[in-house]
Protein backbone atom coordinates (compact mmCIF):
# COMPACT_ATOMS: atom_id res chain seq x y z
CA MET A 1 -17.35 -35.96 -21.97
CA GLU A 2 -17.01 -39.15 -19.83
CA ILE A 3 -13.53 -39.62 -21.50
CA LEU A 4 -12.36 -36.18 -20.46
CA MET A 5 -13.68 -36.69 -16.90
CA VAL A 6 -11.88 -40.04 -16.62
CA LEU A 7 -8.63 -38.50 -17.64
CA LEU A 8 -9.34 -35.53 -15.13
CA VAL A 9 -9.61 -38.45 -12.41
CA GLY A 10 -6.46 -40.23 -13.47
CA LEU A 11 -4.57 -36.78 -13.46
CA ILE A 12 -6.14 -36.12 -9.88
CA PHE A 13 -4.97 -39.78 -8.70
CA THR A 14 -1.52 -39.17 -10.16
CA VAL A 15 -1.09 -35.81 -8.32
CA ALA A 16 -2.45 -37.39 -5.05
CA THR A 17 -0.05 -40.35 -5.18
CA TYR A 18 2.93 -38.13 -5.77
CA LEU A 19 1.87 -36.02 -2.75
CA VAL A 20 1.17 -39.02 -0.50
CA LEU A 21 4.74 -40.24 -1.29
CA THR A 22 6.42 -37.12 -0.26
CA LYS A 23 8.23 -36.46 3.14
CA SER A 24 5.97 -33.55 4.43
CA LEU A 25 3.21 -34.32 6.62
CA LEU A 26 0.96 -31.57 5.21
CA ARG A 27 1.38 -32.79 1.66
CA VAL A 28 0.40 -36.15 2.61
CA VAL A 29 -2.84 -34.97 4.05
CA LEU A 30 -3.37 -32.89 0.87
CA GLY A 31 -2.83 -36.05 -1.08
CA LEU A 32 -5.33 -37.89 0.80
CA VAL A 33 -7.74 -34.87 0.23
CA LEU A 34 -7.19 -35.22 -3.35
CA PHE A 35 -7.80 -38.97 -3.34
CA SER A 36 -11.39 -38.32 -1.81
CA HIS A 37 -12.06 -35.76 -4.44
CA GLY A 38 -10.89 -38.05 -7.07
CA ALA A 39 -13.20 -40.82 -5.91
CA HIS A 40 -15.99 -38.48 -5.82
CA THR A 41 -15.34 -37.28 -9.44
CA LEU A 42 -15.14 -41.03 -10.43
CA ILE A 43 -18.27 -42.08 -8.64
CA LEU A 44 -20.12 -39.20 -10.36
CA THR A 45 -18.90 -39.81 -13.81
CA MET A 46 -19.71 -43.39 -13.47
CA GLY A 47 -23.36 -42.60 -12.42
CA GLY A 48 -23.87 -40.89 -15.95
CA LEU A 49 -23.48 -37.35 -17.04
CA GLY A 50 -26.48 -37.36 -19.39
CA THR A 51 -29.07 -34.68 -18.81
CA GLY A 52 -32.73 -35.49 -18.41
CA ASP A 53 -35.79 -34.27 -16.63
CA ALA A 54 -36.68 -33.89 -13.11
CA PRO A 55 -36.61 -37.39 -11.17
CA ILE A 56 -40.33 -37.59 -10.98
CA LEU A 57 -41.63 -40.96 -11.92
CA GLY A 58 -44.60 -41.02 -14.35
CA ALA A 59 -44.02 -37.41 -15.62
CA SER A 60 -41.76 -38.72 -18.50
CA GLU A 61 -39.92 -41.79 -19.34
CA THR A 62 -36.23 -40.31 -18.96
CA TYR A 63 -34.98 -38.98 -15.73
CA THR A 64 -31.55 -38.29 -14.10
CA ASP A 65 -30.76 -40.94 -11.30
CA PRO A 66 -30.47 -38.89 -7.98
CA LEU A 67 -28.47 -41.76 -6.24
CA PRO A 68 -24.97 -40.78 -7.26
CA GLN A 69 -25.52 -37.22 -6.27
CA ALA A 70 -26.79 -38.35 -2.95
CA LEU A 71 -23.95 -40.69 -2.35
CA ILE A 72 -21.46 -38.08 -3.34
CA LEU A 73 -23.11 -35.59 -0.80
CA THR A 74 -22.70 -38.08 1.88
CA ALA A 75 -18.88 -38.80 1.03
CA ILE A 76 -18.26 -35.21 0.89
CA VAL A 77 -19.52 -34.65 4.47
CA ILE A 78 -17.47 -37.75 5.68
CA SER A 79 -14.30 -36.66 3.84
CA PHE A 80 -14.59 -33.11 5.22
CA GLY A 81 -14.73 -34.70 8.83
CA VAL A 82 -11.82 -36.84 8.06
CA THR A 83 -9.76 -34.03 6.54
CA ALA A 84 -10.53 -31.84 9.48
CA PHE A 85 -9.30 -34.64 11.96
CA LEU A 86 -6.17 -35.18 9.84
CA LEU A 87 -5.26 -31.39 9.80
CA VAL A 88 -5.81 -31.14 13.65
CA MET A 89 -3.51 -34.41 14.01
CA ALA A 90 -0.91 -32.94 11.69
CA TYR A 91 -0.96 -29.48 13.49
CA ARG A 92 -0.81 -31.27 16.85
CA THR A 93 2.24 -33.45 15.64
CA TYR A 94 4.02 -30.06 14.36
CA LYS A 95 3.34 -28.28 17.63
CA VAL A 96 4.70 -31.28 19.62
CA HIS A 97 7.82 -32.22 17.47
CA LYS A 98 8.53 -28.64 15.90
CA THR A 99 8.82 -30.62 12.44
CA ASP A 100 6.44 -31.97 9.87
CA ASP A 101 9.19 -33.98 7.95
CA LEU A 102 8.07 -37.73 8.00
CA ASP A 103 11.86 -38.89 8.20
CA GLN A 104 12.49 -37.05 11.30
CA LEU A 105 9.15 -38.26 12.94
CA ARG A 106 9.96 -41.64 12.35
CA GLY A 107 12.38 -41.93 15.38
CA SER A 108 15.34 -44.01 15.93
CA SER A 109 15.69 -47.82 15.87
CA ASP A 110 16.56 -48.11 19.67
CA GLU A 111 13.09 -46.59 20.86
């Protein structure tokens, strides 16, 4: 199962890299969102996908470690805030400059 998840993470990072390298500002933001989702999936996979009992010490010898899930929840909240900020910045850029093409937003060399 871990091999399948690692291949999925590789595919997510590949698509995210393609989106970040495009000319549209919205695609760049979506690529960054996919980068964060790929990192979350990778951390969760590295934490172990094994099943076990409830994380109560003393009840049994095997239990699932809750630390990766807690880290992922914190990272999801942070990436949601960053995504909201990036979407607002992209919207504001589009409203001011009337384009989301990064080549047109670059400006001229004499500015």
